[in-house]
Amino acid sequence: MMPITNPTREELGVLLKKAKRIAVVGLSNDPDRTSYMVSAAMQRAGYEIIPVNPSIDEALGVRAVPTLKDVKGHVDIVNVFRRSEFLPEVARDFDEIDADVFWAQQGLMNEEAYKFLKDKGYTVVMDRCIKVELALTR
């Protein structure tokens, strides 16, 4: 299998500076959940957050969409808060939309999803917290 290698911290900084819209797969509307806290921080930092979760109507004051395919327009980063075994499914949905970066949150890794996306030329980040990276690259 292909080893999972992330962009350098400098490259992550460039990605985060360029990005405006982040679709968050698995975003919870529960303020105590990590996905909510991280996404709220990114929203406060000026990013447009698009909640992607079929189980909620809205999060962070934004209407949720059930799947990535329901997101209208370009997405800079797809930030994923789903268990590692679901990453291949999310990667296939990601491939069908207009998005630049697939970002699996800290603790999430999947070789199959990584290889699928890298083989198609996408930028892939796994097992990194987007909020932490933002703080480290500012």
N, C-alpha and C. Protein backbone atom coordinates (compact mmCIF):
# COMPACT_ATOMS: atom_id res chain seq x y z
N MET A 1 0.84 -1.20 0.00
CA MET A 1 0.00 0.00 0.00
C MET A 1 0.88 1.25 0.00
N MET A 2 0.26 2.34 -0.37
CA MET A 2 0.94 3.63 -0.46
C MET A 2 1.02 4.24 0.94
N PRO A 3 2.22 4.69 1.37
CA PRO A 3 2.30 5.32 2.68
C PRO A 3 1.55 6.66 2.67
N ILE A 4 0.90 6.97 3.77
CA ILE A 4 0.15 8.23 3.87
C ILE A 4 1.11 9.34 4.28
N THR A 5 1.28 10.30 3.38
CA THR A 5 2.12 11.46 3.70
C THR A 5 1.30 12.72 3.50
N ASN A 6 1.35 13.59 4.48
CA ASN A 6 0.61 14.84 4.43
C ASN A 6 1.45 15.95 3.83
N PRO A 7 0.80 17.00 3.33
CA PRO A 7 1.54 18.18 2.92
C PRO A 7 2.35 18.72 4.11
N THR A 8 3.42 19.47 3.83
CA THR A 8 4.22 20.06 4.90
C THR A 8 3.39 21.12 5.63
N ARG A 9 3.84 21.52 6.79
CA ARG A 9 3.15 22.57 7.53
C ARG A 9 3.05 23.85 6.70
N GLU A 10 4.12 24.18 5.95
CA GLU A 10 4.10 25.37 5.08
C GLU A 10 3.02 25.22 4.01
N GLU A 11 2.94 24.03 3.40
CA GLU A 11 1.92 23.79 2.37
C GLU A 11 0.52 23.87 2.96
N LEU A 12 0.35 23.35 4.17
CA LEU A 12 -0.96 23.45 4.84
C LEU A 12 -1.31 24.91 5.08
N GLY A 13 -0.32 25.72 5.47
CA GLY A 13 -0.55 27.15 5.68
C GLY A 13 -1.04 27.83 4.42
N VAL A 14 -0.45 27.49 3.28
CA VAL A 14 -0.86 28.06 1.99
C VAL A 14 -2.30 27.63 1.67
N LEU A 15 -2.59 26.34 1.86
CA LEU A 15 -3.95 25.83 1.61
C LEU A 15 -4.98 26.58 2.45
N LEU A 16 -4.66 26.75 3.73
CA LEU A 16 -5.61 27.39 4.65
C LEU A 16 -5.77 28.88 4.36
N LYS A 17 -4.71 29.53 3.88
CA LYS A 17 -4.81 30.95 3.52
C LYS A 17 -5.67 31.15 2.28
N LYS A 18 -5.56 30.22 1.34
CA LYS A 18 -6.30 30.30 0.07
C LYS A 18 -7.78 29.93 0.25
N ALA A 19 -8.05 29.03 1.16
CA ALA A 19 -9.41 28.47 1.31
C ALA A 19 -10.40 29.49 1.87
N LYS A 20 -11.64 29.38 1.41
CA LYS A 20 -12.74 30.21 1.91
C LYS A 20 -13.92 29.35 2.39
N ARG A 21 -14.23 28.29 1.63
CA ARG A 21 -15.40 27.46 1.92
C ARG A 21 -14.97 26.07 2.37
N ILE A 22 -15.49 25.64 3.53
CA ILE A 22 -15.18 24.32 4.07
C ILE A 22 -16.49 23.56 4.28
N ALA A 23 -16.62 22.45 3.56
CA ALA A 23 -17.76 21.56 3.78
C ALA A 23 -17.33 20.57 4.86
N VAL A 24 -18.12 20.46 5.92
CA VAL A 24 -17.75 19.61 7.05
C VAL A 24 -18.66 18.39 7.10
N VAL A 25 -18.09 17.23 6.71
CA VAL A 25 -18.85 15.98 6.69
C VAL A 25 -18.89 15.41 8.10
N GLY A 26 -20.12 15.20 8.60
CA GLY A 26 -20.28 14.68 9.95
C GLY A 26 -20.33 15.77 11.01
N LEU A 27 -20.55 17.01 10.58
CA LEU A 27 -20.67 18.11 11.55
C LEU A 27 -21.90 17.90 12.42
N SER A 28 -21.70 17.92 13.73
CA SER A 28 -22.79 17.77 14.69
C SER A 28 -23.34 19.13 15.06
N ASN A 29 -24.61 19.17 15.45
CA ASN A 29 -25.18 20.42 15.96
C ASN A 29 -25.10 20.47 17.49
N ASP A 30 -24.36 19.55 18.08
CA ASP A 30 -24.15 19.50 19.53
C ASP A 30 -22.86 20.26 19.86
N PRO A 31 -22.98 21.40 20.59
CA PRO A 31 -21.80 22.23 20.90
C PRO A 31 -20.71 21.49 21.68
N ASP A 32 -21.03 20.35 22.29
CA ASP A 32 -20.02 19.60 23.04
C ASP A 32 -19.19 18.66 22.17
N ARG A 33 -19.59 18.48 20.91
CA ARG A 33 -18.86 17.57 20.01
C ARG A 33 -17.67 18.28 19.38
N THR A 34 -16.61 17.54 19.16
CA THR A 34 -15.39 18.09 18.56
C THR A 34 -15.67 18.74 17.21
N SER A 35 -16.49 18.08 16.38
CA SER A 35 -16.77 18.62 15.05
C SER A 35 -17.38 20.02 15.15
N TYR A 36 -18.24 20.22 16.13
CA TYR A 36 -18.89 21.53 16.32
C TYR A 36 -17.86 22.56 16.79
N MET A 37 -17.06 22.19 17.78
CA MET A 37 -16.08 23.13 18.35
C MET A 37 -15.05 23.54 17.30
N VAL A 38 -14.54 22.58 16.54
CA VAL A 38 -13.54 22.87 15.51
C VAL A 38 -14.16 23.75 14.42
N SER A 39 -15.36 23.39 13.97
CA SER A 39 -16.02 24.14 12.89
C SER A 39 -16.40 25.55 13.35
N ALA A 40 -16.81 25.69 14.61
CA ALA A 40 -17.13 27.02 15.15
C ALA A 40 -15.88 27.89 15.14
N ALA A 41 -14.75 27.32 15.50
CA ALA A 41 -13.49 28.06 15.50
C ALA A 41 -13.12 28.49 14.08
N MET A 42 -13.32 27.59 13.12
CA MET A 42 -13.00 27.92 11.72
C MET A 42 -13.96 29.01 11.21
N GLN A 43 -15.22 28.93 11.61
CA GLN A 43 -16.20 29.94 11.22
C GLN A 43 -15.80 31.31 11.80
N ARG A 44 -15.39 31.32 13.08
CA ARG A 44 -14.93 32.57 13.71
C ARG A 44 -13.69 33.12 13.01
N ALA A 45 -12.88 32.22 12.44
CA ALA A 45 -11.66 32.64 11.74
C ALA A 45 -11.96 33.18 10.33
N GLY A 46 -13.24 33.15 9.95
CA GLY A 46 -13.64 33.75 8.68
C GLY A 46 -13.99 32.80 7.56
N TYR A 47 -13.98 31.50 7.83
CA TYR A 47 -14.33 30.54 6.79
C TYR A 47 -15.84 30.35 6.72
N GLU A 48 -16.34 30.11 5.49
CA GLU A 48 -17.74 29.72 5.33
C GLU A 48 -17.82 28.23 5.59
N ILE A 49 -18.66 27.84 6.55
CA ILE A 49 -18.81 26.43 6.92
C ILE A 49 -20.12 25.90 6.34
N ILE A 50 -20.03 24.75 5.67
CA ILE A 50 -21.21 24.09 5.13
C ILE A 50 -21.37 22.76 5.85
N PRO A 51 -22.38 22.64 6.72
CA PRO A 51 -22.60 21.36 7.42
C PRO A 51 -23.10 20.28 6.46
N VAL A 52 -22.46 19.10 6.48
CA VAL A 52 -22.89 17.97 5.66
C VAL A 52 -23.23 16.83 6.61
N ASN A 53 -24.53 16.65 6.85
CA ASN A 53 -24.98 15.62 7.78
C ASN A 53 -26.48 15.39 7.55
N PRO A 54 -26.85 14.17 7.14
CA PRO A 54 -28.27 13.91 6.87
C PRO A 54 -29.14 13.89 8.13
N SER A 55 -28.53 13.87 9.31
CA SER A 55 -29.28 13.74 10.56
C SER A 55 -29.65 15.07 11.22
N ILE A 56 -29.17 16.19 10.66
CA ILE A 56 -29.47 17.49 11.28
C ILE A 56 -30.02 18.46 10.24
N ASP A 57 -30.73 19.48 10.71
CA ASP A 57 -31.26 20.52 9.82
C ASP A 57 -30.27 21.66 9.65
N GLU A 58 -29.57 21.96 10.75
CA GLU A 58 -28.60 23.05 10.68
C GLU A 58 -27.59 22.94 11.80
N ALA A 59 -26.47 23.63 11.60
CA ALA A 59 -25.43 23.73 12.63
C ALA A 59 -24.73 25.06 12.43
N LEU A 60 -24.37 25.70 13.52
CA LEU A 60 -23.67 26.99 13.48
C LEU A 60 -24.44 28.04 12.68
N GLY A 61 -25.77 27.93 12.70
CA GLY A 61 -26.61 28.90 12.00
C GLY A 61 -26.67 28.71 10.50
N VAL A 62 -26.19 27.56 10.01
CA VAL A 62 -26.16 27.29 8.58
C VAL A 62 -26.98 26.04 8.28
N ARG A 63 -27.80 26.11 7.24
CA ARG A 63 -28.61 24.96 6.84
C ARG A 63 -27.69 23.81 6.42
N ALA A 64 -27.96 22.62 6.92
CA ALA A 64 -27.16 21.44 6.59
C ALA A 64 -27.65 20.82 5.29
N VAL A 65 -26.74 20.16 4.58
CA VAL A 65 -27.10 19.36 3.40
C VAL A 65 -26.83 17.90 3.75
N PRO A 66 -27.61 16.97 3.16
CA PRO A 66 -27.45 15.56 3.53
C PRO A 66 -26.15 14.92 3.05
N THR A 67 -25.67 15.29 1.86
CA THR A 67 -24.45 14.69 1.32
C THR A 67 -23.59 15.75 0.64
N LEU A 68 -22.34 15.41 0.38
CA LEU A 68 -21.45 16.33 -0.34
C LEU A 68 -22.03 16.70 -1.70
N LYS A 69 -22.70 15.75 -2.34
CA LYS A 69 -23.26 16.00 -3.67
C LYS A 69 -24.34 17.08 -3.64
N ASP A 70 -24.86 17.39 -2.45
CA ASP A 70 -25.90 18.43 -2.32
C ASP A 70 -25.31 19.82 -2.10
N VAL A 71 -24.00 19.92 -1.98
CA VAL A 71 -23.35 21.22 -1.80
C VAL A 71 -23.32 21.94 -3.15
N LYS A 72 -23.81 23.18 -3.17
CA LYS A 72 -23.80 23.96 -4.41
C LYS A 72 -22.50 24.76 -4.48
N GLY A 73 -21.88 24.76 -5.65
CA GLY A 73 -20.71 25.59 -5.88
C GLY A 73 -19.41 24.94 -5.43
N HIS A 74 -18.34 25.69 -5.61
CA HIS A 74 -17.00 25.18 -5.32
C HIS A 74 -16.75 25.07 -3.81
N VAL A 75 -16.03 24.03 -3.43
CA VAL A 75 -15.62 23.83 -2.04
C VAL A 75 -14.10 23.77 -2.01
N ASP A 76 -13.49 24.57 -1.13
CA ASP A 76 -12.03 24.57 -1.04
C ASP A 76 -11.52 23.36 -0.26
N ILE A 77 -12.15 23.09 0.88
CA ILE A 77 -11.72 21.97 1.74
C ILE A 77 -12.94 21.17 2.17
N VAL A 78 -12.85 19.87 2.07
CA VAL A 78 -13.85 18.98 2.67
C VAL A 78 -13.19 18.43 3.92
N ASN A 79 -13.71 18.84 5.08
CA ASN A 79 -13.16 18.43 6.37
C ASN A 79 -14.05 17.31 6.92
N VAL A 80 -13.45 16.15 7.19
CA VAL A 80 -14.25 14.96 7.49
C VAL A 80 -14.16 14.54 8.96
N PHE A 81 -15.32 14.45 9.59
CA PHE A 81 -15.48 13.93 10.95
C PHE A 81 -16.34 12.68 10.88
N ARG A 82 -15.86 11.65 10.21
CA ARG A 82 -16.54 10.35 10.18
C ARG A 82 -15.49 9.31 10.48
N ARG A 83 -15.90 8.18 11.05
CA ARG A 83 -14.92 7.15 11.40
C ARG A 83 -14.12 6.72 10.17
N SER A 84 -12.89 6.29 10.43
CA SER A 84 -11.96 5.94 9.35
C SER A 84 -12.54 4.97 8.33
N GLU A 85 -13.36 4.03 8.77
CA GLU A 85 -13.89 3.04 7.82
C GLU A 85 -14.85 3.68 6.80
N PHE A 86 -15.36 4.89 7.09
CA PHE A 86 -16.26 5.57 6.16
C PHE A 86 -15.51 6.48 5.18
N LEU A 87 -14.20 6.63 5.34
CA LEU A 87 -13.45 7.56 4.49
C LEU A 87 -13.48 7.19 3.00
N PRO A 88 -13.42 5.90 2.62
CA PRO A 88 -13.50 5.59 1.18
C PRO A 88 -14.81 6.07 0.54
N GLU A 89 -15.91 5.90 1.26
CA GLU A 89 -17.22 6.35 0.77
C GLU A 89 -17.23 7.88 0.62
N VAL A 90 -16.71 8.58 1.61
CA VAL A 90 -16.65 10.05 1.55
C VAL A 90 -15.71 10.48 0.42
N ALA A 91 -14.61 9.76 0.23
CA ALA A 91 -13.66 10.07 -0.84
C ALA A 91 -14.33 9.95 -2.22
N ARG A 92 -15.16 8.94 -2.41
CA ARG A 92 -15.86 8.77 -3.69
C ARG A 92 -16.83 9.93 -3.92
N ASP A 93 -17.55 10.36 -2.88
CA ASP A 93 -18.44 11.52 -3.00
C ASP A 93 -17.62 12.78 -3.30
N PHE A 94 -16.50 12.95 -2.62
CA PHE A 94 -15.60 14.09 -2.82
C PHE A 94 -15.19 14.17 -4.30
N ASP A 95 -14.88 13.02 -4.89
CA ASP A 95 -14.43 12.97 -6.28
C ASP A 95 -15.52 13.45 -7.25
N GLU A 96 -16.78 13.42 -6.82
CA GLU A 96 -17.88 13.80 -7.70
C GLU A 96 -18.28 15.26 -7.59
N ILE A 97 -17.62 16.01 -6.69
CA ILE A 97 -17.97 17.43 -6.55
C ILE A 97 -16.76 18.29 -6.90
N ASP A 98 -16.97 19.59 -6.96
CA ASP A 98 -15.90 20.54 -7.28
C ASP A 98 -15.23 20.96 -5.97
N ALA A 99 -14.21 20.19 -5.57
CA ALA A 99 -13.51 20.48 -4.31
C ALA A 99 -12.01 20.28 -4.50
N ASP A 100 -11.22 20.96 -3.69
CA ASP A 100 -9.76 20.94 -3.84
C ASP A 100 -9.04 20.01 -2.87
N VAL A 101 -9.42 20.07 -1.59
CA VAL A 101 -8.63 19.38 -0.56
C VAL A 101 -9.53 18.46 0.26
N PHE A 102 -9.10 17.22 0.42
CA PHE A 102 -9.78 16.25 1.28
C PHE A 102 -9.02 16.21 2.59
N TRP A 103 -9.69 16.55 3.68
CA TRP A 103 -9.01 16.67 4.99
C TRP A 103 -9.74 15.79 6.01
N ALA A 104 -9.06 14.73 6.45
CA ALA A 104 -9.62 13.85 7.49
C ALA A 104 -9.05 14.30 8.83
N GLN A 105 -9.92 14.54 9.79
CA GLN A 105 -9.52 15.09 11.08
C GLN A 105 -8.58 14.17 11.86
N GLN A 106 -8.03 14.72 12.91
CA GLN A 106 -7.09 14.00 13.77
C GLN A 106 -7.67 12.65 14.20
N GLY A 107 -6.86 11.61 14.09
CA GLY A 107 -7.29 10.27 14.46
C GLY A 107 -7.91 9.48 13.32
N LEU A 108 -8.13 10.14 12.17
CA LEU A 108 -8.77 9.48 11.04
C LEU A 108 -7.77 9.24 9.91
N MET A 109 -7.67 7.97 9.50
CA MET A 109 -6.79 7.60 8.39
C MET A 109 -7.39 6.39 7.69
N ASN A 110 -7.22 6.35 6.36
CA ASN A 110 -7.67 5.18 5.62
C ASN A 110 -6.84 5.09 4.34
N GLU A 111 -6.07 4.02 4.20
CA GLU A 111 -5.17 3.85 3.05
C GLU A 111 -5.94 3.79 1.74
N GLU A 112 -7.07 3.09 1.73
CA GLU A 112 -7.86 2.95 0.50
C GLU A 112 -8.32 4.33 0.01
N ALA A 113 -8.86 5.13 0.91
CA ALA A 113 -9.33 6.47 0.54
C ALA A 113 -8.16 7.33 0.09
N TYR A 114 -7.04 7.25 0.80
CA TYR A 114 -5.86 8.04 0.47
C TYR A 114 -5.37 7.71 -0.95
N LYS A 115 -5.21 6.42 -1.23
CA LYS A 115 -4.71 5.99 -2.55
C LYS A 115 -5.68 6.40 -3.65
N PHE A 116 -6.97 6.21 -3.44
CA PHE A 116 -8.00 6.59 -4.42
C PHE A 116 -7.86 8.07 -4.79
N LEU A 117 -7.74 8.92 -3.79
CA LEU A 117 -7.67 10.37 -4.02
C LEU A 117 -6.33 10.80 -4.60
N LYS A 118 -5.23 10.25 -4.08
CA LYS A 118 -3.90 10.61 -4.59
C LYS A 118 -3.74 10.18 -6.04
N ASP A 119 -4.27 9.00 -6.38
CA ASP A 119 -4.19 8.52 -7.77
C ASP A 119 -4.91 9.46 -8.73
N LYS A 120 -5.88 10.20 -8.22
CA LYS A 120 -6.63 11.16 -9.04
C LYS A 120 -6.02 12.56 -8.96
N GLY A 121 -4.94 12.71 -8.20
CA GLY A 121 -4.23 13.99 -8.17
C GLY A 121 -4.71 14.99 -7.13
N TYR A 122 -5.53 14.54 -6.19
CA TYR A 122 -6.04 15.46 -5.17
C TYR A 122 -5.02 15.70 -4.05
N THR A 123 -5.17 16.82 -3.38
CA THR A 123 -4.44 17.09 -2.15
C THR A 123 -5.20 16.40 -1.02
N VAL A 124 -4.49 15.60 -0.23
CA VAL A 124 -5.12 14.82 0.84
C VAL A 124 -4.37 15.07 2.15
N VAL A 125 -5.14 15.35 3.20
CA VAL A 125 -4.59 15.50 4.55
C VAL A 125 -5.33 14.49 5.43
N MET A 126 -4.57 13.72 6.21
CA MET A 126 -5.19 12.76 7.12
C MET A 126 -4.56 12.86 8.50
N ASP A 127 -5.38 12.61 9.52
CA ASP A 127 -4.92 12.56 10.91
C ASP A 127 -4.32 13.91 11.35
N ARG A 128 -4.95 15.00 10.92
CA ARG A 128 -4.53 16.33 11.35
C ARG A 128 -5.76 17.14 11.71
N CYS A 129 -5.67 17.94 12.77
CA CYS A 129 -6.77 18.81 13.15
C CYS A 129 -6.63 20.14 12.42
N ILE A 130 -7.65 20.51 11.65
CA ILE A 130 -7.61 21.73 10.85
C ILE A 130 -7.48 22.98 11.73
N LYS A 131 -8.12 22.96 12.90
CA LYS A 131 -8.05 24.11 13.82
C LYS A 131 -6.63 24.28 14.36
N VAL A 132 -5.99 23.18 14.72
CA VAL A 132 -4.61 23.21 15.22
C VAL A 132 -3.67 23.70 14.12
N GLU A 133 -3.84 23.17 12.91
CA GLU A 133 -2.98 23.57 11.79
C GLU A 133 -3.15 25.06 11.48
N LEU A 134 -4.39 25.54 11.56
CA LEU A 134 -4.63 26.96 11.33
C LEU A 134 -3.87 27.81 12.35
N ALA A 135 -3.95 27.40 13.60
CA ALA A 135 -3.26 28.14 14.67
C ALA A 135 -1.74 28.10 14.47
N LEU A 136 -1.21 26.97 14.01
CA LEU A 136 0.23 26.81 13.83
C LEU A 136 0.77 27.53 12.59
N THR A 137 -0.12 27.82 11.63
CA THR A 137 0.35 28.42 10.38
C THR A 137 0.01 29.90 10.27
N ARG A 138 -0.67 30.45 11.25
CA ARG A 138 -1.07 31.86 11.19
C ARG A 138 0.12 32.76 11.44
